[in-house]
Amino acid sequence: MISDSMALDVAKIKRDFPLLSRTVRHELPLVYLDSGATSQKPLAVIDAESNFYRNHNSAVHRGAHLIAEEATDIYEGARAKIAHFIGADDVDEVIFTKSATESLNLLAYSFGQSESSSAISLKLGDSIVVSELEHHANLIPWQELAKRTGASLRWFPSTEDGRLDLSGLEQIIDVSTKVVAITHQSNVTGAISPVSKILERARNVGAITVLDACQSVPHFPTDVKTLGVDFIAFSGHKMVGPTGIGLLWGRKELFERLSPFLFGGSMVTSVSMTEATYATAPRRFEAGVPNMAGAAGLSAAVDYLESIGMESIHNHELALTEYALTQLQAISGLTLIGPKNSVDRGAVFSFTLDGIHPHDVGQALDDRGIAVRTGHHCAWPLMKKFGITGTTRATFYLYNSLEDVDRLVEGIHHTQDFFGARGIS
């Protein structure tokens, strides 16, 4: 074990997260390495959501009383805060959903509903481009859109080290391409996509671009203007925010050309017994009473991340990544699924151990207080590409330390010893 000297004061940060102070099996201190699935929540976020229910709970945009005004100010204030956080100029370009999955489905559904005169509509002969690295949330909606419209589905393959293979870029994205939907950072391999090259090619053929930013926005500075993308989707619960709230950012002129995804109250300007006129974005896409308390918590999450600094968080994770790569690749019998160096790579470590099922690895680590993810990680095509049924996955965040890496490595060695002692190898 080495001494822990990180840029961030991890011990101080951990004290902000109540769950991280608890013990788990055998009264061992918890090592939480599953932030890729969901992050833990600081007390500031928990308090903000609780405070909303205690003092400001009312339906937004509707009431004429003080409490409704306060609730609306909190809700719209959260929208403005998110817009600033991702570098958006117009707060009306930020739409609240229940999850990043809903955000992506909103786009896929709306693209399929657009009138044939719209540049966003799809038809037989058009193509949609994704990649083998996609989470199911950024794959299945586009599969279904292709089926509904007659468009073909194309994809960038994965390289052997879990990066995007762009060798066929100009053939995969061509004049038939109408939508390009790509992950910003893989939730399996940690590879950060070469977004600029993909977006440049997409722009050249007039395709709409969508970025699944679930694994990027929480971990490093993300500016939509710099990226030059048309839409990005991400979730609150992966960025120390509450569950049940997601985000969709898009260019306002494109939102105005999309049909609504859900219908009901708050998303109309007039209604008769036979037809309705829809409001402009963002309300056009926020039918019904939204997750107001979640927005309050998400606002507090943005404050918390900004108080630490996204660049500092990124540098901290980079140091963790470099150390973990060295330690994990030194373990005999461990196969790392993903890039073997820290260049354009996040703190995501999927691996297999010779002769031991990933679920058994996960349970053995859990017995030592180490929480990891096991399975296919909602990325079945990528698992098939690598010829495996699943992996064990450890994901690190701002509250993890070099000592947590050491605990993981010790746990892996113990797991190998245990199964080796039982004659399993």
Protein backbone atom coordinates (compact mmCIF):
# COMPACT_ATOMS: atom_id res chain seq x y z
CA MET A 1 0.00 0.00 0.00
CA ILE A 2 1.23 3.49 -0.76
CA SER A 3 0.57 6.70 1.08
CA ASP A 4 -2.45 8.57 -0.25
CA SER A 5 -1.44 11.99 -1.57
CA MET A 6 -4.12 13.14 -3.99
CA ALA A 7 -4.98 16.58 -5.31
CA LEU A 8 -8.38 16.37 -3.62
CA ASP A 9 -8.86 15.98 0.12
CA VAL A 10 -10.71 12.68 -0.19
CA ALA A 11 -11.11 12.18 3.56
CA LYS A 12 -12.87 15.55 3.80
CA ILE A 13 -15.02 14.85 0.74
CA LYS A 14 -16.07 11.46 2.10
CA ARG A 15 -17.42 13.12 5.23
CA ASP A 16 -19.89 14.99 3.00
CA PHE A 17 -21.46 11.67 1.92
CA PRO A 18 -23.35 10.01 4.79
CA LEU A 19 -23.51 6.56 3.21
CA LEU A 20 -19.74 6.37 2.77
CA SER A 21 -19.22 6.40 6.54
CA ARG A 22 -21.15 3.19 7.14
CA THR A 23 -19.75 -0.29 7.59
CA VAL A 24 -20.97 -3.27 5.64
CA ARG A 25 -20.34 -7.01 5.87
CA HIS A 26 -18.28 -8.12 8.89
CA GLU A 27 -18.33 -4.47 10.05
CA LEU A 28 -15.82 -3.58 7.35
CA PRO A 29 -15.64 0.02 6.10
CA LEU A 30 -17.37 0.41 2.75
CA VAL A 31 -15.31 0.90 -0.40
CA TYR A 32 -17.84 2.11 -2.94
CA LEU A 33 -16.67 1.42 -6.50
CA ASP A 34 -19.98 1.50 -8.35
CA SER A 35 -20.39 5.18 -9.22
CA GLY A 36 -20.72 4.28 -12.90
CA ALA A 37 -24.11 2.83 -11.97
CA THR A 38 -25.09 5.56 -9.54
CA SER A 39 -23.10 8.02 -7.45
CA GLN A 40 -23.53 8.60 -3.75
CA LYS A 41 -25.22 11.80 -2.55
CA PRO A 42 -23.68 14.51 -0.37
CA LEU A 43 -25.61 15.85 2.59
CA ALA A 44 -26.14 19.14 0.72
CA VAL A 45 -28.16 17.32 -1.94
CA ILE A 46 -30.14 15.29 0.58
CA ASP A 47 -30.92 18.44 2.55
CA ALA A 48 -31.95 20.41 -0.56
CA GLU A 49 -34.47 17.79 -1.59
CA SER A 50 -35.78 17.45 1.96
CA ASN A 51 -35.98 21.23 2.34
CA PHE A 52 -38.09 21.50 -0.79
CA TYR A 53 -40.68 19.12 0.63
CA ARG A 54 -40.55 20.74 4.06
CA ASN A 55 -40.83 24.36 2.99
CA HIS A 56 -41.61 24.87 -0.71
CA ASN A 57 -43.65 21.93 -1.97
CA SER A 58 -46.11 23.10 -4.63
CA ALA A 59 -46.79 22.45 -8.31
CA VAL A 60 -44.63 24.70 -10.47
CA HIS A 61 -45.89 27.05 -13.20
CA ARG A 62 -49.48 26.87 -11.97
CA GLY A 63 -50.33 28.37 -8.61
CA ALA A 64 -50.85 32.06 -7.92
CA HIS A 65 -49.73 31.77 -4.30
CA LEU A 66 -46.36 32.36 -2.67
CA ILE A 67 -45.42 28.69 -2.22
CA ALA A 68 -46.02 28.02 -5.91
CA GLU A 69 -43.87 31.01 -6.80
CA GLU A 70 -41.07 29.70 -4.58
CA ALA A 71 -41.31 26.22 -6.08
CA THR A 72 -41.20 27.65 -9.60
CA ASP A 73 -38.18 29.80 -8.77
CA ILE A 74 -36.33 26.76 -7.39
CA TYR A 75 -37.24 24.63 -10.40
CA GLU A 76 -36.34 27.23 -13.01
CA GLY A 77 -33.27 28.20 -11.03
CA ALA A 78 -32.07 24.61 -11.33
CA ARG A 79 -32.58 24.77 -15.10
CA ALA A 80 -30.47 27.92 -15.31
CA LYS A 81 -27.76 26.35 -13.14
CA ILE A 82 -27.58 23.25 -15.36
CA ALA A 83 -27.41 25.43 -18.48
CA HIS A 84 -24.43 27.31 -17.06
CA PHE A 85 -22.80 24.05 -15.90
CA ILE A 86 -22.71 22.64 -19.45
CA GLY A 87 -21.95 25.94 -21.17
CA ALA A 88 -25.37 26.51 -22.76
CA ASP A 89 -26.30 30.08 -23.64
CA ASP A 90 -30.08 29.62 -23.50
CA VAL A 91 -31.75 28.15 -20.40
CA ASP A 92 -34.72 27.12 -22.57
CA GLU A 93 -32.46 24.58 -24.26
CA VAL A 94 -32.41 22.47 -21.07
CA ILE A 95 -35.25 19.98 -20.66
CA PHE A 96 -35.91 17.99 -17.49
CA THR A 97 -36.84 14.34 -17.93
CA LYS A 98 -36.99 11.43 -15.50
CA SER A 99 -33.70 9.92 -16.73
CA ALA A 100 -31.12 9.99 -19.50
CA THR A 101 -32.89 6.93 -20.90
CA GLU A 102 -36.09 8.96 -21.23
CA SER A 103 -34.12 11.81 -22.81
CA LEU A 104 -32.79 9.52 -25.53
CA ASN A 105 -36.17 7.90 -26.05
CA LEU A 106 -37.72 11.36 -26.33
CA LEU A 107 -35.43 12.13 -29.25
CA ALA A 108 -35.87 8.78 -30.98
CA TYR A 109 -39.66 8.96 -30.65
CA SER A 110 -39.86 12.60 -31.75
CA PHE A 111 -37.61 12.02 -34.75
CA GLY A 112 -39.95 9.23 -35.81
CA GLN A 113 -43.01 11.47 -35.40
CA SER A 114 -41.68 14.46 -37.31
CA GLU A 115 -43.48 15.42 -40.49
CA SER A 116 -41.96 14.28 -43.76
CA SER A 117 -41.13 17.90 -44.64
CA SER A 118 -38.89 18.18 -41.60
CA ALA A 119 -35.14 17.70 -42.02
CA ILE A 120 -35.25 15.49 -38.92
CA SER A 121 -37.70 12.95 -40.35
CA LEU A 122 -36.40 9.55 -41.41
CA LYS A 123 -37.45 7.23 -44.22
CA LEU A 124 -36.39 4.16 -46.16
CA GLY A 125 -32.88 4.68 -47.47
CA ASP A 126 -31.74 6.88 -44.58
CA SER A 127 -29.27 5.63 -41.98
CA ILE A 128 -28.73 5.99 -38.22
CA VAL A 129 -25.22 5.58 -36.82
CA VAL A 130 -24.31 4.30 -33.34
CA SER A 131 -21.38 2.23 -32.02
CA GLU A 132 -20.57 -1.11 -30.41
CA LEU A 133 -19.70 0.76 -27.21
CA GLU A 134 -23.24 1.96 -26.58
CA HIS A 135 -25.23 1.37 -23.43
CA HIS A 136 -28.60 -0.17 -24.29
CA ALA A 137 -30.22 3.22 -23.57
CA ASN A 138 -28.39 4.69 -26.57
CA LEU A 139 -28.88 1.66 -28.79
CA ILE A 140 -32.36 0.18 -28.45
CA PRO A 141 -34.26 3.47 -29.06
CA TRP A 142 -32.38 3.87 -32.36
CA GLN A 143 -32.97 0.23 -33.27
CA GLU A 144 -36.68 0.82 -32.78
CA LEU A 145 -36.59 4.09 -34.74
CA ALA A 146 -34.93 2.28 -37.63
CA LYS A 147 -37.65 -0.37 -37.58
CA ARG A 148 -40.45 2.22 -37.52
CA THR A 149 -39.06 4.36 -40.32
CA GLY A 150 -37.29 1.87 -42.58
CA ALA A 151 -33.91 3.51 -41.98
CA SER A 152 -30.86 1.29 -41.67
CA LEU A 153 -28.75 1.04 -38.52
CA ARG A 154 -24.98 1.30 -38.84
CA TRP A 155 -22.29 1.30 -36.19
CA PHE A 156 -18.65 1.94 -35.47
CA PRO A 157 -16.97 -1.26 -34.28
CA SER A 158 -14.88 -1.47 -31.15
CA THR A 159 -11.15 -1.98 -31.31
CA GLU A 160 -9.52 -4.79 -29.32
CA ASP A 161 -8.74 -2.35 -26.51
CA GLY A 162 -12.29 -1.02 -26.30
CA ARG A 163 -12.01 2.22 -28.25
CA LEU A 164 -14.01 3.31 -31.28
CA ASP A 165 -12.62 2.15 -34.61
CA LEU A 166 -13.01 5.12 -36.96
CA SER A 167 -11.17 3.56 -39.90
CA GLY A 168 -14.46 3.40 -41.82
CA LEU A 169 -15.66 6.84 -40.75
CA GLU A 170 -16.50 8.15 -44.23
CA GLN A 171 -18.26 4.94 -45.25
CA ILE A 172 -20.29 4.58 -42.05
CA ILE A 173 -21.38 8.24 -41.97
CA ASP A 174 -22.37 9.22 -45.50
CA VAL A 175 -24.99 11.31 -47.28
CA SER A 176 -27.72 8.87 -46.21
CA THR A 177 -26.96 9.44 -42.51
CA LYS A 178 -29.59 11.47 -40.66
CA VAL A 179 -28.70 10.74 -37.01
CA VAL A 180 -25.39 9.96 -35.29
CA ALA A 181 -25.79 8.91 -31.63
CA ILE A 182 -22.56 8.14 -29.79
CA THR A 183 -21.42 7.63 -26.21
CA HIS A 184 -19.07 10.30 -24.89
CA GLN A 185 -17.37 7.81 -22.56
CA SER A 186 -17.96 4.07 -22.48
CA ASN A 187 -19.49 2.70 -19.29
CA VAL A 188 -17.63 -0.58 -19.90
CA THR A 189 -14.17 0.29 -21.20
CA GLY A 190 -13.84 3.88 -19.98
CA ALA A 191 -12.74 4.97 -23.47
CA ILE A 192 -13.52 8.59 -24.28
CA SER A 193 -14.80 8.84 -27.83
CA PRO A 194 -12.99 11.00 -30.43
CA VAL A 195 -16.07 13.17 -30.62
CA SER A 196 -14.62 16.02 -32.68
CA LYS A 197 -13.82 13.77 -35.66
CA ILE A 198 -17.24 12.12 -35.58
CA LEU A 199 -19.13 15.39 -35.25
CA GLU A 200 -17.15 17.04 -38.03
CA ARG A 201 -18.01 14.20 -40.40
CA ALA A 202 -21.66 14.28 -39.30
CA ARG A 203 -21.89 18.03 -39.91
CA ASN A 204 -20.41 17.60 -43.38
CA VAL A 205 -23.29 15.33 -44.39
CA GLY A 206 -25.96 17.31 -42.51
CA ALA A 207 -26.69 14.66 -39.85
CA ILE A 208 -28.17 15.40 -36.44
CA THR A 209 -25.77 14.47 -33.61
CA VAL A 210 -26.65 13.07 -30.19
CA LEU A 211 -24.19 12.49 -27.36
CA ASP A 212 -24.82 10.12 -24.46
CA ALA A 213 -22.97 12.10 -21.79
CA CYS A 214 -23.96 10.06 -18.72
CA GLN A 215 -20.36 9.02 -18.06
CA SER A 216 -18.75 12.33 -19.01
CA VAL A 217 -20.69 15.26 -17.53
CA PRO A 218 -20.13 14.02 -13.94
CA HIS A 219 -16.41 13.46 -14.46
CA PHE A 220 -14.84 16.21 -16.55
CA PRO A 221 -15.72 19.68 -17.87
CA THR A 222 -18.30 19.44 -20.65
CA ASP A 223 -19.16 22.47 -22.77
CA VAL A 224 -21.85 22.03 -25.41
CA LYS A 225 -20.63 24.99 -27.45
CA THR A 226 -17.10 23.63 -27.62
CA LEU A 227 -18.36 20.16 -28.49
CA GLY A 228 -20.55 21.45 -31.31
CA VAL A 229 -23.10 18.68 -30.77
CA ASP A 230 -26.85 19.04 -31.43
CA PHE A 231 -28.18 17.15 -28.37
CA ILE A 232 -26.71 15.69 -25.20
CA ALA A 233 -28.40 13.49 -22.60
CA PHE A 234 -27.24 12.84 -19.05
CA SER A 235 -28.64 11.90 -15.66
CA GLY A 236 -28.73 13.54 -12.25
CA HIS A 237 -28.04 10.46 -10.17
CA LYS A 238 -24.58 9.86 -11.67
CA MET A 239 -23.42 13.41 -10.81
CA VAL A 240 -24.07 13.21 -7.02
CA GLY A 241 -27.66 14.32 -7.65
CA PRO A 242 -31.00 12.64 -6.94
CA THR A 243 -32.50 9.71 -8.78
CA GLY A 244 -35.53 10.22 -10.98
CA ILE A 245 -34.32 13.29 -12.86
CA GLY A 246 -32.55 13.42 -16.20
CA LEU A 247 -31.46 16.12 -18.61
CA LEU A 248 -31.69 16.72 -22.31
CA TRP A 249 -29.93 19.69 -23.86
CA GLY A 250 -30.47 20.57 -27.49
CA ARG A 251 -30.32 23.43 -29.91
CA LYS A 252 -33.51 25.45 -29.56
CA GLU A 253 -34.12 25.68 -33.29
CA LEU A 254 -34.12 21.88 -33.45
CA PHE A 255 -36.45 21.50 -30.47
CA GLU A 256 -38.95 23.75 -32.23
CA ARG A 257 -39.04 21.30 -35.14
CA LEU A 258 -39.72 18.26 -32.95
CA SER A 259 -43.07 16.80 -32.03
CA PRO A 260 -43.75 16.38 -28.29
CA PHE A 261 -43.00 13.07 -26.65
CA LEU A 262 -45.60 13.20 -23.86
CA PHE A 263 -48.92 15.01 -23.87
CA GLY A 264 -50.97 16.59 -21.08
CA GLY A 265 -50.92 19.57 -18.81
CA SER A 266 -48.34 22.38 -18.87
CA MET A 267 -47.14 21.72 -22.41
CA VAL A 268 -49.87 23.55 -24.34
CA THR A 269 -50.87 27.12 -25.12
CA SER A 270 -54.46 26.34 -26.10
CA VAL A 271 -56.75 23.32 -26.24
CA SER A 272 -60.13 22.63 -27.86
CA MET A 273 -62.12 19.42 -27.98
CA THR A 274 -60.48 18.48 -31.25
CA GLU A 275 -56.93 19.87 -31.18
CA ALA A 276 -54.18 21.50 -29.14
CA THR A 277 -51.43 24.02 -29.74
CA TYR A 278 -48.13 23.16 -28.10
CA ALA A 279 -45.90 25.47 -26.12
CA THR A 280 -42.32 26.15 -27.11
CA ALA A 281 -39.37 24.32 -25.56
CA PRO A 282 -38.72 23.48 -22.79
CA ARG A 283 -42.35 23.23 -21.64
CA ARG A 284 -43.37 21.49 -24.86
CA PHE A 285 -41.43 18.45 -23.59
CA GLU A 286 -42.30 18.64 -19.87
CA ALA A 287 -45.90 17.48 -19.67
CA GLY A 288 -47.37 17.00 -16.20
CA VAL A 289 -46.05 17.90 -12.77
CA PRO A 290 -42.25 17.44 -12.93
CA ASN A 291 -39.78 16.17 -10.36
CA MET A 292 -39.47 19.49 -8.56
CA ALA A 293 -37.71 18.18 -5.47
CA GLY A 294 -35.29 16.36 -7.76
CA ALA A 295 -34.52 19.63 -9.51
CA ALA A 296 -33.80 21.22 -6.11
CA GLY A 297 -31.43 18.38 -5.29
CA LEU A 298 -29.78 18.55 -8.70
CA SER A 299 -29.20 22.26 -8.25
CA ALA A 300 -27.39 21.50 -5.00
CA ALA A 301 -25.40 18.78 -6.77
CA VAL A 302 -24.16 21.28 -9.35
CA ASP A 303 -23.18 23.66 -6.56
CA TYR A 304 -21.29 20.87 -4.84
CA LEU A 305 -19.38 19.79 -7.97
CA GLU A 306 -18.54 23.39 -8.86
CA SER A 307 -17.28 24.06 -5.33
CA ILE A 308 -14.68 21.35 -5.89
CA GLY A 309 -14.11 22.13 -9.57
CA MET A 310 -14.68 19.83 -12.52
CA GLU A 311 -11.10 20.19 -13.68
CA SER A 312 -9.90 19.16 -10.21
CA ILE A 313 -12.25 16.17 -10.26
CA HIS A 314 -10.94 15.17 -13.68
CA ASN A 315 -7.31 15.44 -12.58
CA HIS A 316 -8.07 13.44 -9.44
CA GLU A 317 -9.68 10.67 -11.47
CA LEU A 318 -6.78 10.71 -13.92
CA ALA A 319 -4.35 10.04 -11.06
CA LEU A 320 -6.60 7.21 -9.85
CA THR A 321 -6.78 5.81 -13.37
CA GLU A 322 -3.03 5.78 -13.86
CA TYR A 323 -2.45 4.10 -10.50
CA ALA A 324 -5.25 1.55 -10.97
CA LEU A 325 -4.03 0.63 -14.46
CA THR A 326 -0.57 -0.11 -13.11
CA GLN A 327 -1.85 -2.15 -10.17
CA LEU A 328 -4.53 -4.12 -12.00
CA GLN A 329 -2.38 -5.05 -14.98
CA ALA A 330 0.22 -6.48 -12.61
CA ILE A 331 -2.27 -9.12 -11.40
CA SER A 332 -1.69 -12.51 -13.02
CA GLY A 333 -4.88 -13.99 -14.47
CA LEU A 334 -6.66 -10.63 -14.73
CA THR A 335 -7.77 -9.44 -18.18
CA LEU A 336 -8.63 -5.77 -18.44
CA ILE A 337 -11.43 -4.97 -20.90
CA GLY A 338 -10.53 -1.50 -22.15
CA PRO A 339 -7.58 0.77 -22.93
CA LYS A 340 -4.35 -0.16 -21.20
CA ASN A 341 -3.22 3.45 -20.79
CA SER A 342 -4.80 6.61 -19.39
CA VAL A 343 -4.97 8.57 -22.67
CA ASP A 344 -8.58 9.59 -23.36
CA ARG A 345 -9.75 7.19 -20.68
CA GLY A 346 -11.94 7.48 -17.60
CA ALA A 347 -11.75 5.70 -14.23
CA VAL A 348 -13.78 2.68 -15.37
CA PHE A 349 -12.22 -0.76 -14.97
CA SER A 350 -13.98 -3.81 -16.35
CA PHE A 351 -12.08 -7.06 -15.95
CA THR A 352 -12.30 -10.82 -15.87
CA LEU A 353 -10.39 -13.29 -13.70
CA ASP A 354 -9.30 -16.60 -15.16
CA GLY A 355 -11.60 -19.43 -14.09
CA ILE A 356 -13.85 -17.30 -11.85
CA HIS A 357 -17.29 -16.06 -12.88
CA PRO A 358 -17.71 -12.28 -12.60
CA HIS A 359 -20.67 -12.72 -10.22
CA ASP A 360 -18.50 -14.82 -7.93
CA VAL A 361 -15.82 -12.13 -8.04
CA GLY A 362 -18.39 -9.50 -7.14
CA GLN A 363 -19.69 -11.52 -4.19
CA ALA A 364 -16.18 -12.26 -2.93
CA LEU A 365 -15.29 -8.56 -3.07
CA ASP A 366 -18.56 -7.66 -1.37
CA ASP A 367 -17.60 -10.01 1.47
CA ARG A 368 -14.59 -7.75 2.00
CA GLY A 369 -16.63 -4.52 1.96
CA ILE A 370 -15.92 -3.63 -1.68
CA ALA A 371 -18.95 -2.71 -3.79
CA VAL A 372 -18.47 -3.31 -7.53
CA ARG A 373 -20.73 -4.04 -10.50
CA THR A 374 -21.01 -7.40 -12.27
CA GLY A 375 -22.72 -8.54 -15.47
CA HIS A 376 -23.03 -7.18 -18.99
CA HIS A 377 -23.50 -3.54 -17.87
CA CYS A 378 -26.35 -3.00 -20.34
CA ALA A 379 -23.87 -3.49 -23.19
CA TRP A 380 -24.57 -6.96 -24.56
CA PRO A 381 -23.23 -6.30 -28.08
CA LEU A 382 -19.88 -5.27 -26.63
CA MET A 383 -19.74 -8.38 -24.43
CA LYS A 384 -20.38 -10.52 -27.52
CA LYS A 385 -17.68 -8.62 -29.38
CA PHE A 386 -15.17 -9.64 -26.71
CA GLY A 387 -16.53 -13.18 -26.47
CA ILE A 388 -17.53 -12.92 -22.82
CA THR A 389 -20.78 -13.06 -20.88
CA GLY A 390 -19.90 -10.25 -18.50
CA THR A 391 -17.23 -8.60 -16.39
CA THR A 392 -16.57 -7.30 -12.93
CA ARG A 393 -16.50 -3.51 -13.06
CA ALA A 394 -14.99 -1.01 -10.63
CA THR A 395 -15.73 2.68 -11.22
CA PHE A 396 -14.12 5.52 -9.29
CA TYR A 397 -15.26 9.06 -8.50
CA LEU A 398 -14.22 12.15 -6.56
CA TYR A 399 -14.68 10.41 -3.17
CA ASN A 400 -12.34 7.51 -4.01
CA SER A 401 -8.70 7.32 -3.04
CA LEU A 402 -5.51 5.44 -3.89
CA GLU A 403 -6.19 3.38 -0.79
CA ASP A 404 -9.47 2.28 -2.40
CA VAL A 405 -7.45 0.98 -5.36
CA ASP A 406 -5.24 -0.93 -2.93
CA ARG A 407 -8.29 -2.39 -1.22
CA LEU A 408 -9.61 -3.54 -4.59
CA VAL A 409 -6.31 -5.15 -5.54
CA GLU A 410 -6.05 -6.91 -2.17
CA GLY A 411 -9.63 -8.12 -2.60
CA ILE A 412 -8.88 -9.52 -6.04
CA HIS A 413 -5.83 -11.41 -4.71
CA HIS A 414 -7.92 -12.78 -1.86
CA THR A 415 -10.60 -13.88 -4.35
CA GLN A 416 -8.05 -15.70 -6.47
CA ASP A 417 -6.57 -17.38 -3.41
CA PHE A 418 -9.99 -18.44 -2.17
CA PHE A 419 -11.11 -20.02 -5.42
CA GLY A 420 -7.68 -21.51 -6.00
CA ALA A 421 -7.85 -23.12 -2.55
CA ARG A 422 -11.15 -24.72 -3.61
CA GLY A 423 -9.53 -26.23 -6.67
CA ILE A 424 -10.99 -23.71 -9.10
CA SER A 425 -8.49 -22.21 -11.51
